[in-house]
Protein backbone atom coordinates (compact mmCIF):
# COMPACT_ATOMS: atom_id res chain seq x y z
CA UNK A 1 87.63 103.09 127.53
CA UNK A 2 84.73 100.77 126.71
CA UNK A 3 85.43 98.46 123.75
CA UNK A 4 81.80 97.78 122.85
CA UNK A 5 80.72 101.44 123.07
CA UNK A 6 83.79 102.75 121.22
CA UNK A 7 83.39 100.12 118.51
CA UNK A 8 79.70 100.98 118.38
CA UNK A 9 80.50 104.69 117.87
CA UNK A 10 83.01 103.92 115.14
CA UNK A 11 80.70 101.31 113.67
CA UNK A 12 77.64 103.59 113.62
CA UNK A 13 79.22 106.20 111.37
CA UNK A 14 80.90 103.46 109.35
CA UNK A 15 77.50 101.86 108.74
CA UNK A 16 76.08 105.23 107.63
CA UNK A 17 79.01 105.63 105.25
CA UNK A 18 78.63 102.08 103.90
CA UNK A 19 74.87 102.46 103.44
CA UNK A 20 75.44 105.65 101.47
CA UNK A 21 78.12 103.70 99.58
CA UNK A 22 75.53 101.07 98.70
CA UNK A 23 73.16 103.79 97.48
CA UNK A 24 76.02 105.18 95.39
CA UNK A 25 76.74 101.77 93.90
CA UNK A 26 73.06 101.12 93.19
CA UNK A 27 73.04 104.29 91.07
CA UNK A 28 76.29 103.24 89.38
CA UNK A 29 74.79 99.82 88.66
CA UNK A 30 71.69 101.46 87.13
CA UNK A 31 73.62 103.86 84.88
CA UNK A 32 76.79 101.86 84.12
CA UNK A 33 75.91 98.22 84.87
CA UNK A 34 78.84 95.88 84.24
CA UNK A 35 79.87 97.16 80.81
CA UNK A 36 83.03 98.81 79.46
CA UNK A 37 82.49 102.18 81.16
CA UNK A 38 81.91 100.45 84.51
CA UNK A 39 85.06 98.32 84.16
CA UNK A 40 87.20 101.36 83.31
CA UNK A 41 85.80 103.56 86.09
CA UNK A 42 86.26 100.82 88.69
CA UNK A 43 89.90 100.39 87.65
CA UNK A 44 90.47 104.16 87.90
CA UNK A 45 88.68 104.25 91.25
CA UNK A 46 90.23 101.05 92.61
CA UNK A 47 93.79 102.36 92.89
CA UNK A 48 93.21 105.51 94.98
CA UNK A 49 90.43 103.76 96.89
CA UNK A 50 92.77 100.89 97.72
CA UNK A 51 95.26 103.40 99.10
CA UNK A 52 92.39 104.95 101.08
CA UNK A 53 91.63 101.59 102.61
CA UNK A 54 95.29 100.81 103.19
CA UNK A 55 95.95 104.10 104.96
CA UNK A 56 92.66 105.06 106.58
CA UNK A 57 91.21 101.75 107.69
CA UNK A 58 93.52 101.16 110.61
CA UNK A 59 96.78 100.52 108.77
CA UNK A 60 98.39 103.93 109.23
CA UNK A 61 97.23 103.75 112.85
CA UNK A 62 99.15 100.56 113.29
CA UNK A 63 102.51 102.28 112.79
CA UNK A 64 101.64 105.74 114.08
CA UNK A 65 99.54 105.29 117.23
CA UNK A 66 102.02 103.27 119.38
CA UNK A 67 104.85 105.73 118.56
CA UNK A 68 102.68 108.82 118.98
CA UNK A 69 101.22 107.48 122.25
CA UNK A 70 104.72 107.15 123.73
CA UNK A 71 105.42 110.79 122.76
CA UNK A 72 102.11 111.99 124.26
CA UNK A 73 103.30 110.79 127.65
CA UNK A 74 106.24 113.24 127.39
CA UNK A 75 103.94 116.21 126.70
CA UNK A 76 102.24 118.08 123.85
CA UNK A 77 105.46 119.76 122.67
CA UNK A 78 107.17 116.41 122.13
CA UNK A 79 104.19 114.79 120.46
CA UNK A 80 103.73 117.82 118.15
CA UNK A 81 107.38 117.75 117.09
CA UNK A 82 107.17 114.05 116.27
CA UNK A 83 103.83 114.42 114.42
CA UNK A 84 105.06 117.40 112.37
CA UNK A 85 108.15 115.51 111.25
CA UNK A 86 105.95 112.64 110.11
CA UNK A 87 103.44 114.94 108.38
CA UNK A 88 106.06 116.88 106.42
CA UNK A 89 107.86 113.75 105.25
CA UNK A 90 104.53 112.20 104.33
CA UNK A 91 103.53 115.36 102.43
CA UNK A 92 106.72 115.40 100.36
CA UNK A 93 106.71 111.65 99.71
CA UNK A 94 103.10 111.60 98.57
CA UNK A 95 103.53 114.72 96.40
CA UNK A 96 106.43 113.21 94.46
CA UNK A 97 104.71 109.81 94.23
CA UNK A 98 101.57 111.33 92.69
CA UNK A 99 103.69 113.51 90.38
CA UNK A 100 105.76 110.57 89.10
CA UNK A 101 102.69 108.36 88.57
CA UNK A 102 100.94 111.16 86.67
CA UNK A 103 103.94 111.48 84.33
CA UNK A 104 104.13 107.73 83.73
CA UNK A 105 100.38 107.04 83.88
CA UNK A 106 100.21 104.97 80.63
CA UNK A 107 102.80 102.54 81.99
CA UNK A 108 101.10 102.51 85.39
CA UNK A 109 97.67 101.65 83.94
CA UNK A 110 99.29 98.93 81.82
CA UNK A 111 100.45 97.34 85.08
CA UNK A 112 97.17 97.64 87.03
CA UNK A 113 94.93 96.72 84.07
CA UNK A 114 97.04 94.66 81.63
CA UNK A 115 93.90 93.25 80.04
CA UNK A 116 93.09 96.73 78.65
CA UNK A 117 96.36 97.10 76.69
CA UNK A 118 95.04 95.64 73.43
CA UNK A 119 91.89 97.80 73.44
CA UNK A 120 93.00 101.35 72.54
CA UNK A 121 89.78 103.17 73.47
CA UNK A 122 89.41 101.28 76.76
CA UNK A 123 93.06 101.86 77.63
CA UNK A 124 92.98 105.56 76.75
CA UNK A 125 89.84 106.12 78.83
CA UNK A 126 91.40 104.26 81.79
CA UNK A 127 94.52 106.48 81.60
CA UNK A 128 92.45 109.69 81.52
CA UNK A 129 90.18 108.67 84.41
CA UNK A 130 93.04 107.41 86.58
CA UNK A 131 94.85 110.72 86.07
CA UNK A 132 91.77 112.51 87.40
CA UNK A 133 91.20 110.23 90.40
CA UNK A 134 94.84 109.75 91.43
CA UNK A 135 95.22 113.04 93.40
CA UNK A 136 92.65 111.54 95.80
CA UNK A 137 95.52 109.37 97.06
CA UNK A 138 97.50 112.45 98.18
CA UNK A 139 94.63 114.06 100.09
CA UNK A 140 93.24 110.90 101.65
CA UNK A 141 96.60 109.75 102.98
CA UNK A 142 97.13 113.11 104.70
CA UNK A 143 93.57 112.86 106.01
CA UNK A 144 94.49 109.46 107.45
CA UNK A 145 97.33 111.11 109.33
CA UNK A 146 94.84 113.49 110.99
CA UNK A 147 92.57 110.53 111.73
CA UNK A 148 95.41 108.69 113.47
CA UNK A 149 96.00 111.66 115.78
CA UNK A 150 92.30 111.88 116.62
CA UNK A 151 92.14 108.10 117.23
CA UNK A 152 95.11 108.42 119.60
CA UNK A 153 92.94 110.78 121.65
CA UNK A 154 90.02 108.28 121.48
CA UNK A 155 88.02 110.56 119.12
CA UNK A 156 86.58 107.88 116.86
CA UNK A 157 83.31 109.50 115.75
CA UNK A 158 84.90 112.19 113.56
CA UNK A 159 87.33 109.83 111.85
CA UNK A 160 84.63 107.28 111.03
CA UNK A 161 82.26 110.00 109.76
CA UNK A 162 84.74 111.58 107.32
CA UNK A 163 84.37 108.93 104.52
CA UNK A 164 80.68 109.88 104.24
CA UNK A 165 81.80 112.93 102.24
CA UNK A 166 82.94 110.82 99.27
CA UNK A 167 79.64 108.97 99.04
CA UNK A 168 77.54 112.13 99.29
CA UNK A 169 79.45 113.82 96.45
CA UNK A 170 79.23 110.79 94.13
CA UNK A 171 75.52 110.30 94.91
CA UNK A 172 74.79 113.96 94.06
CA UNK A 173 76.64 113.57 90.75
CA UNK A 174 74.68 110.40 89.94
CA UNK A 175 71.32 112.00 90.83
CA UNK A 176 71.91 114.74 88.25
CA UNK A 177 73.55 112.47 85.67
CA UNK A 178 70.76 111.81 83.17
CA UNK A 179 72.06 114.26 80.57
CA UNK A 180 75.76 113.38 80.97
CA UNK A 181 75.89 110.15 78.93
CA UNK A 182 79.44 108.79 78.59
CA UNK A 183 80.75 111.91 80.35
CA UNK A 184 79.33 110.57 83.62
CA UNK A 185 82.53 108.62 84.35
CA UNK A 186 84.55 111.85 84.05
CA UNK A 187 82.30 113.71 86.50
CA UNK A 188 82.49 110.77 88.93
CA UNK A 189 86.29 110.79 88.67
CA UNK A 190 86.50 114.52 89.41
CA UNK A 191 84.10 113.93 92.30
CA UNK A 192 86.52 111.39 93.82
CA UNK A 193 89.40 113.91 93.95
CA UNK A 194 87.13 116.69 95.23
CA UNK A 195 85.99 114.39 98.06
CA UNK A 196 89.62 113.86 99.08
CA UNK A 197 90.16 117.61 99.47
CA UNK A 198 86.96 118.10 101.48
CA UNK A 199 87.68 115.13 103.74
CA UNK A 200 91.14 116.53 104.54
CA UNK A 201 89.69 119.95 105.40
CA UNK A 202 86.93 118.36 107.49
CA UNK A 203 89.39 116.41 109.66
CA UNK A 204 91.76 119.36 109.99
CA UNK A 205 88.96 121.37 111.59
CA UNK A 206 88.85 118.87 114.47
CA UNK A 207 92.50 117.87 114.74
CA UNK A 208 93.77 121.42 115.46
CA UNK A 209 92.48 121.04 119.01
CA UNK A 210 95.14 118.37 119.65
CA UNK A 211 97.81 119.10 117.06
CA UNK A 212 99.53 122.27 115.79
CA UNK A 213 100.47 121.82 112.13
CA UNK A 214 103.72 123.46 110.98
CA UNK A 215 105.11 123.14 107.47
CA UNK A 216 108.85 122.64 107.64
CA UNK A 217 110.64 120.71 104.94
CA UNK A 218 114.04 120.90 106.66
CA UNK A 219 113.37 117.72 108.56
CA UNK A 220 115.72 116.07 110.98
CA UNK A 221 115.50 112.31 110.57
CA UNK A 222 115.92 111.33 114.20
CA UNK A 223 115.66 107.71 115.36
CA UNK A 224 111.96 108.03 116.25
CA UNK A 225 111.04 109.13 112.72
CA UNK A 226 113.26 106.46 111.15
CA UNK A 227 111.68 103.77 113.31
CA UNK A 228 108.18 104.96 112.35
CA UNK A 229 108.80 104.76 108.60
CA UNK A 230 110.48 101.38 109.01
CA UNK A 231 107.21 100.23 110.60
CA UNK A 232 104.90 102.00 108.14
CA UNK A 233 105.35 99.91 105.00
CA UNK A 234 105.16 96.53 106.77
CA UNK A 235 102.07 97.64 108.74
CA UNK A 236 100.32 98.92 105.60
CA UNK A 237 101.03 95.71 103.75
CA UNK A 238 100.11 93.32 106.58
CA UNK A 239 97.01 95.10 107.86
CA UNK A 240 95.78 95.83 104.34
CA UNK A 241 96.53 92.39 102.90
CA UNK A 242 92.86 91.74 102.05
CA UNK A 243 92.71 94.95 100.00
CA UNK A 244 96.02 94.06 98.32
CA UNK A 245 94.58 90.66 97.41
CA UNK A 246 91.50 92.38 95.94
CA UNK A 247 93.78 94.71 93.95
CA UNK A 248 95.73 91.73 92.64
CA UNK A 249 92.40 90.16 91.72
CA UNK A 250 91.37 93.30 89.81
CA UNK A 251 94.61 93.21 87.80
CA UNK A 252 94.04 89.58 86.80
CA UNK A 253 90.31 90.10 86.21
CA UNK A 254 91.02 92.86 83.65
CA UNK A 255 91.66 90.07 81.11
CA UNK A 256 87.98 89.01 81.24
CA UNK A 257 85.16 91.31 80.10
CA UNK A 258 82.98 92.63 82.98
CA UNK A 259 84.93 90.60 85.58
CA UNK A 260 86.28 93.75 87.26
CA UNK A 261 82.69 94.94 87.77
CA UNK A 262 81.48 91.57 89.10
CA UNK A 263 84.24 91.59 91.70
CA UNK A 264 83.65 95.23 92.61
CA UNK A 265 79.95 94.75 93.40
CA UNK A 266 80.61 91.56 95.37
CA UNK A 267 83.41 93.23 97.31
CA UNK A 268 81.11 96.10 98.26
CA UNK A 269 78.61 93.81 100.01
CA UNK A 270 80.84 92.26 102.66
CA UNK A 271 82.80 95.46 103.32
CA UNK A 272 80.20 96.84 105.77
CA UNK A 273 80.69 93.88 108.09
CA UNK A 274 84.46 93.88 107.69
CA UNK A 275 84.52 97.58 108.54
CA UNK A 276 82.99 96.83 111.95
CA UNK A 277 84.12 93.27 112.74
CA UNK A 278 87.73 93.89 111.75
CA UNK A 279 88.66 97.48 111.02
CA UNK A 280 86.65 99.26 113.75
CA UNK A 281 87.77 96.83 116.44
CA UNK A 282 91.40 97.07 115.34
CA UNK A 283 91.32 100.88 115.32
CA UNK A 284 89.59 101.11 118.71
CA UNK A 285 91.72 98.62 120.65
CA UNK A 286 95.15 99.70 119.37
CA UNK A 287 95.61 102.85 121.51
CA UNK A 288 94.36 101.18 124.68
CA UNK A 289 96.17 97.90 124.09
CA UNK A 290 99.42 99.78 123.42
CA UNK A 291 99.05 101.61 126.75
CA UNK A 292 98.36 98.36 128.65
CA UNK A 293 101.44 96.74 127.08
CA UNK A 294 103.64 99.73 127.97
CA UNK A 295 102.32 99.54 131.56
CA UNK A 296 102.73 95.74 131.57
CA UNK A 297 99.12 95.20 132.73
CA UNK A 298 98.91 91.53 131.76
CA UNK A 299 95.35 90.94 133.00
CA UNK A 300 94.05 93.91 130.98
CA UNK A 301 96.01 92.82 127.90
CA UNK A 302 94.40 89.37 127.96
CA UNK A 303 90.95 90.87 128.62
CA UNK A 304 91.16 93.38 125.72
CA UNK A 305 92.50 90.77 123.29
CA UNK A 306 89.86 88.18 124.11
CA UNK A 307 87.01 90.70 124.01
CA UNK A 308 88.26 92.00 120.66
CA UNK A 309 88.44 88.49 119.22
CA UNK A 310 85.06 87.59 120.70
CA UNK A 311 83.39 90.72 119.29
CA UNK A 312 84.97 90.19 115.86
CA UNK A 313 83.61 86.63 115.60
CA UNK A 314 80.26 87.66 117.07
CA UNK A 315 79.85 90.07 114.15
CA UNK A 316 81.58 88.22 111.28
CA UNK A 317 80.32 84.63 111.69
CA UNK A 318 76.57 85.35 111.32
CA UNK A 319 77.33 87.76 108.45
CA UNK A 320 79.30 85.03 106.68
CA UNK A 321 76.44 82.55 107.10
CA UNK A 322 73.88 85.07 105.87
CA UNK A 323 75.91 85.99 102.76
CA UNK A 324 76.47 82.32 101.91
CA UNK A 325 72.75 81.58 102.06
CA UNK A 326 71.43 84.72 100.36
CA UNK A 327 74.23 85.85 98.02
CA UNK A 328 72.07 85.90 94.87
CA UNK A 329 69.05 87.54 96.53
CA UNK A 330 71.28 90.18 98.16
CA UNK A 331 73.02 91.15 94.90
CA UNK A 332 69.70 91.19 93.04
CA UNK A 333 67.91 93.30 95.66
CA UNK A 334 70.69 95.87 95.96
CA UNK A 335 71.96 96.21 92.39
CA UNK A 336 69.52 94.40 90.09
CA UNK A 337 68.10 97.45 88.30
CA UNK A 338 68.59 99.29 84.99
CA UNK A 339 71.75 98.15 83.17
CA UNK A 340 72.53 95.56 85.86
CA UNK A 341 70.90 92.46 84.29
CA UNK A 342 70.34 88.89 85.50
CA UNK A 343 73.73 87.73 84.16
CA UNK A 344 75.40 90.47 86.20
CA UNK A 345 73.46 89.35 89.28
CA UNK A 346 74.42 85.70 88.84
CA UNK A 347 78.14 86.34 88.31
CA UNK A 348 78.43 88.94 91.10
CA UNK A 349 76.58 86.56 93.46
CA UNK A 350 79.06 83.76 92.67
CA UNK A 351 81.93 86.06 93.62
CA UNK A 352 80.13 87.16 96.80
CA UNK A 353 79.55 83.52 97.84
CA UNK A 354 83.26 82.75 97.86
CA UNK A 355 84.18 86.08 99.48
CA UNK A 356 81.67 85.25 102.23
CA UNK A 357 83.58 82.05 103.05
CA UNK A 358 86.58 84.22 103.87
CA UNK A 359 84.82 87.00 105.79
CA UNK A 360 85.71 85.72 109.31
CA UNK A 361 89.33 85.37 108.16
CA UNK A 362 89.38 88.93 106.77
CA UNK A 363 88.27 90.18 110.19
CA UNK A 364 90.67 87.97 112.14
CA UNK A 365 93.62 89.28 110.11
CA UNK A 366 92.77 92.83 111.19
CA UNK A 367 92.45 91.84 114.86
CA UNK A 368 95.49 89.53 115.02
CA UNK A 369 97.66 92.07 113.20
CA UNK A 370 96.67 94.70 115.76
CA UNK A 371 97.96 92.43 118.55
CA UNK A 372 101.38 92.46 116.85
CA UNK A 373 101.27 96.22 116.16
CA UNK A 374 100.46 97.00 119.79
CA UNK A 375 103.67 95.14 120.68
CA UNK A 376 105.45 97.26 118.02
CA UNK A 377 106.10 94.18 115.90
CA UNK A 378 105.30 94.96 112.26
CA UNK A 379 107.78 92.55 110.65
CA UNK A 380 106.08 89.27 111.59
CA UNK A 381 102.63 90.09 110.11
CA UNK A 382 104.39 91.66 107.09
CA UNK A 383 106.26 88.46 106.17
CA UNK A 384 103.16 86.34 106.77
CA UNK A 385 101.07 88.66 104.59
CA UNK A 386 103.71 88.63 101.87
CA UNK A 387 103.56 84.84 101.72
CA UNK A 388 99.73 84.88 101.69
CA UNK A 389 99.69 87.33 98.76
CA UNK A 390 102.05 85.02 96.86
CA UNK A 391 99.69 82.11 97.60
CA UNK A 392 96.81 84.21 96.25
CA UNK A 393 98.69 85.12 93.06
CA UNK A 394 99.82 81.54 92.37
CA UNK A 395 96.30 80.10 92.80
CA UNK A 396 94.67 82.90 90.74
CA UNK A 397 97.09 82.68 87.80
CA UNK A 398 97.13 78.86 87.82
CA UNK A 399 93.35 78.50 87.46
CA UNK A 400 92.20 81.77 85.81
CA UNK A 401 92.29 80.36 82.26
CA UNK A 402 90.35 77.27 83.39
CA UNK A 403 87.48 78.75 85.45
CA UNK A 404 87.73 82.51 84.86
CA UNK A 405 87.20 85.33 87.35
CA UNK A 406 85.59 83.13 90.02
CA UNK A 407 89.04 81.83 91.02
CA UNK A 408 89.89 85.32 92.34
CA UNK A 409 87.49 85.31 95.36
CA UNK A 410 88.34 81.64 95.93
CA UNK A 411 92.07 82.42 96.01
CA UNK A 412 91.50 85.47 98.21
CA UNK A 413 89.57 83.37 100.73
CA UNK A 414 92.12 80.53 100.79
CA UNK A 415 95.07 82.91 101.24
CA UNK A 416 93.22 84.86 103.96
CA UNK A 417 92.47 81.76 106.03
CA UNK A 418 96.12 80.77 105.61
CA UNK A 419 97.17 84.25 106.76
CA UNK A 420 94.93 84.30 109.84
CA UNK A 421 95.99 80.78 110.89
CA UNK A 422 99.72 81.55 110.64
CA UNK A 423 99.23 84.86 112.51
CA UNK A 424 97.51 82.96 115.31
CA UNK A 425 100.28 80.35 115.49
CA UNK A 426 102.97 83.03 115.73
CA UNK A 427 101.01 84.93 118.38
CA UNK A 428 100.86 81.79 120.50
CA UNK A 429 104.52 80.90 119.90
CA UNK A 430 105.64 84.43 120.83
CA UNK A 431 103.38 84.32 123.90
CA UNK A 432 101.55 87.45 122.75
CA UNK A 433 98.07 86.00 123.14
CA UNK A 434 96.26 83.61 125.48
CA UNK A 435 92.63 82.51 125.55
CA UNK A 436 90.59 83.09 128.68
CA UNK A 437 87.82 80.78 129.91
CA UNK A 438 84.98 83.10 128.87
CA UNK A 439 86.02 83.27 125.21
CA UNK A 440 86.11 79.51 124.61
CA UNK A 441 82.59 78.97 125.96
CA UNK A 442 81.17 81.96 124.10
CA UNK A 443 82.82 80.95 120.83
CA UNK A 444 80.81 77.71 120.73
CA UNK A 445 77.63 79.64 121.53
CA UNK A 446 78.34 82.18 118.74
CA UNK A 447 78.71 79.36 116.19
CA UNK A 448 75.44 77.77 117.37
CA UNK A 449 73.56 81.10 117.26
CA UNK A 450 74.95 81.87 113.78
CA UNK A 451 73.81 78.52 112.37
CA UNK A 452 70.31 78.91 113.80
CA UNK A 453 70.12 82.43 112.41
CA UNK A 454 71.12 81.03 109.02
CA UNK A 455 68.25 78.52 109.13
CA UNK A 456 65.82 81.30 110.04
CA UNK A 457 67.14 83.59 107.29
CA UNK A 458 66.86 80.79 104.71
CA UNK A 459 63.23 80.23 105.77
CA UNK A 460 62.47 83.93 105.19
CA UNK A 461 64.12 83.88 101.74
CA UNK A 462 62.01 80.89 100.73
CA UNK A 463 58.86 82.48 102.19
CA UNK A 464 59.45 85.71 100.25
CA UNK A 465 60.91 84.09 97.10
CA UNK A 466 58.23 85.56 94.81
CA UNK A 467 58.72 89.05 96.24
CA UNK A 468 62.51 88.70 95.93
CA UNK A 469 62.42 87.70 92.24
CA UNK A 470 64.63 89.75 89.90
CA UNK A 471 61.67 91.40 88.17
CA UNK A 472 60.12 92.73 91.41
CA UNK A 473 60.58 96.45 92.14
CA UNK A 474 60.13 96.09 95.93
CA UNK A 475 62.64 93.23 96.36
CA UNK A 476 65.05 95.44 98.32
CA UNK A 477 62.32 96.13 100.89
CA UNK A 478 61.71 92.40 101.47
CA UNK A 479 65.44 91.72 101.69
CA UNK A 480 65.98 94.47 104.28
CA UNK A 481 62.97 93.22 106.23
CA UNK A 482 64.36 89.66 106.21
CA UNK A 483 67.83 90.83 107.26
CA UNK A 484 66.46 92.90 110.16
CA UNK A 485 64.29 90.01 111.41
CA UNK A 486 67.25 87.61 111.18
CA UNK A 487 69.52 90.05 112.99
CA UNK A 488 66.99 90.47 115.80
CA UNK A 489 66.62 86.68 116.01
CA UNK A 490 70.41 86.33 116.27
CA UNK A 491 70.77 88.98 118.97
CA UNK A 492 67.84 87.63 121.02
CA UNK A 493 68.99 84.01 120.82
CA UNK A 494 72.60 85.02 121.59
CA UNK A 495 71.39 86.85 124.68
CA UNK A 496 69.30 83.86 125.77
CA UNK A 497 72.22 81.41 125.56
CA UNK A 498 74.63 84.02 127.02
CA UNK A 499 76.78 84.37 123.94
CA UNK A 500 76.33 88.06 124.66
CA UNK A 501 75.62 89.86 127.95
CA UNK A 502 74.38 93.38 128.60
CA UNK A 503 77.15 93.80 131.16
CA UNK A 504 79.66 93.74 128.26
CA UNK A 505 78.37 97.15 127.17
CA UNK A 506 79.39 98.81 130.43
CA UNK A 507 82.60 96.87 130.96
CA UNK A 508 85.72 99.08 130.94
CA UNK A 509 88.84 97.98 129.12
């Protein structure tokens, strides 16, 4: 396997999906802005989408792939038996979870959006929309199971392409939405659940080559299955801690008008980089790293870990610098149209600025957690993540009444850096990670290249400041042009100072 090429394949389709996601959110910003309807839809969408991120973005992999890989060695019959036991238990568990939540939806919405409780119309709409979107959770979690099997066979293209379906459906609804009025949020909600069904069917078409699905609800809970489910919850929580922190932030933000929307739009911006710098790398390295650990190939273990860490920082550090410098221009250029006014731009940009400070940490959590998962240790990152979430909650609640929604991205960033630092300390103490000579020298070069890129990007933003003004219709063109030039500058300079080498592309891991 080649880490750079595999990450590139995963990243390519992820970028396509995220770009379509941006187009989707631009339309949502135009038609809904940051008003009541937007707040309610984002709450209804946040819950199933959080589960999508928790399950599909590497977290389900973390528990499943190492166990499934050990069964694959024994033959297809053994691996199929194990996978079918997992699938059937997952099917039943998810079915009853969705059923129970649907029955008690008013109480559930009161928990995830407590700020809506005293507004009857807002609360009632949130209940109705969440009921419509919630089945998405069932379908997308089963789809994540299929993705994990495909990832185990190093088939990353299909799994990274599947999320595109959701964005295409929502974009089509938004394109033909002019006559829908307030009913638009209902059509979008139905579109979310429909996308879950189609994504599941899409992945099933490809997974049948490697896996024979058999429904059988008389399941024998052998030790392998028990061990898997013991790992599942901790791995979901620890690998998805950033998304959990965002969900916590959404709950707290529901007490302030439009705050949920501000956070949503800011969150959307940095997700494209996180998807590649953290999620893609974690997904790609897990199968191979697990195999190297099982074979006790220490040199390969160190090589894969250092290359993964190096690639993560190579992608996340310049992105963090760029978002810090151009947060307002980026929000304005992408979403500053229609109902999305200058106040919306300013507040969303503030949130993005503080999220950007934590972007390298968000990526490092994904990578460091994968190192633990490959060693079949899900408890350590779980406990660390649990503490970091508590830190996030304490900071957010303590300062929310004083400074409002802006404390949420600040708290998320602080808790994430805390999480990544503690993960690193435990990795070193458990002797699960060691730096090699190449990483340390390249790390300094990556920082230098990122700072220079930031200076160049800032120059472009000043040069095009008139064209990037809120009132300009072509501001997105000038932003994209500036980003592409800055990216090329970063890649060229990195190559010149040997922070990146072409030989890395062909290096086998």
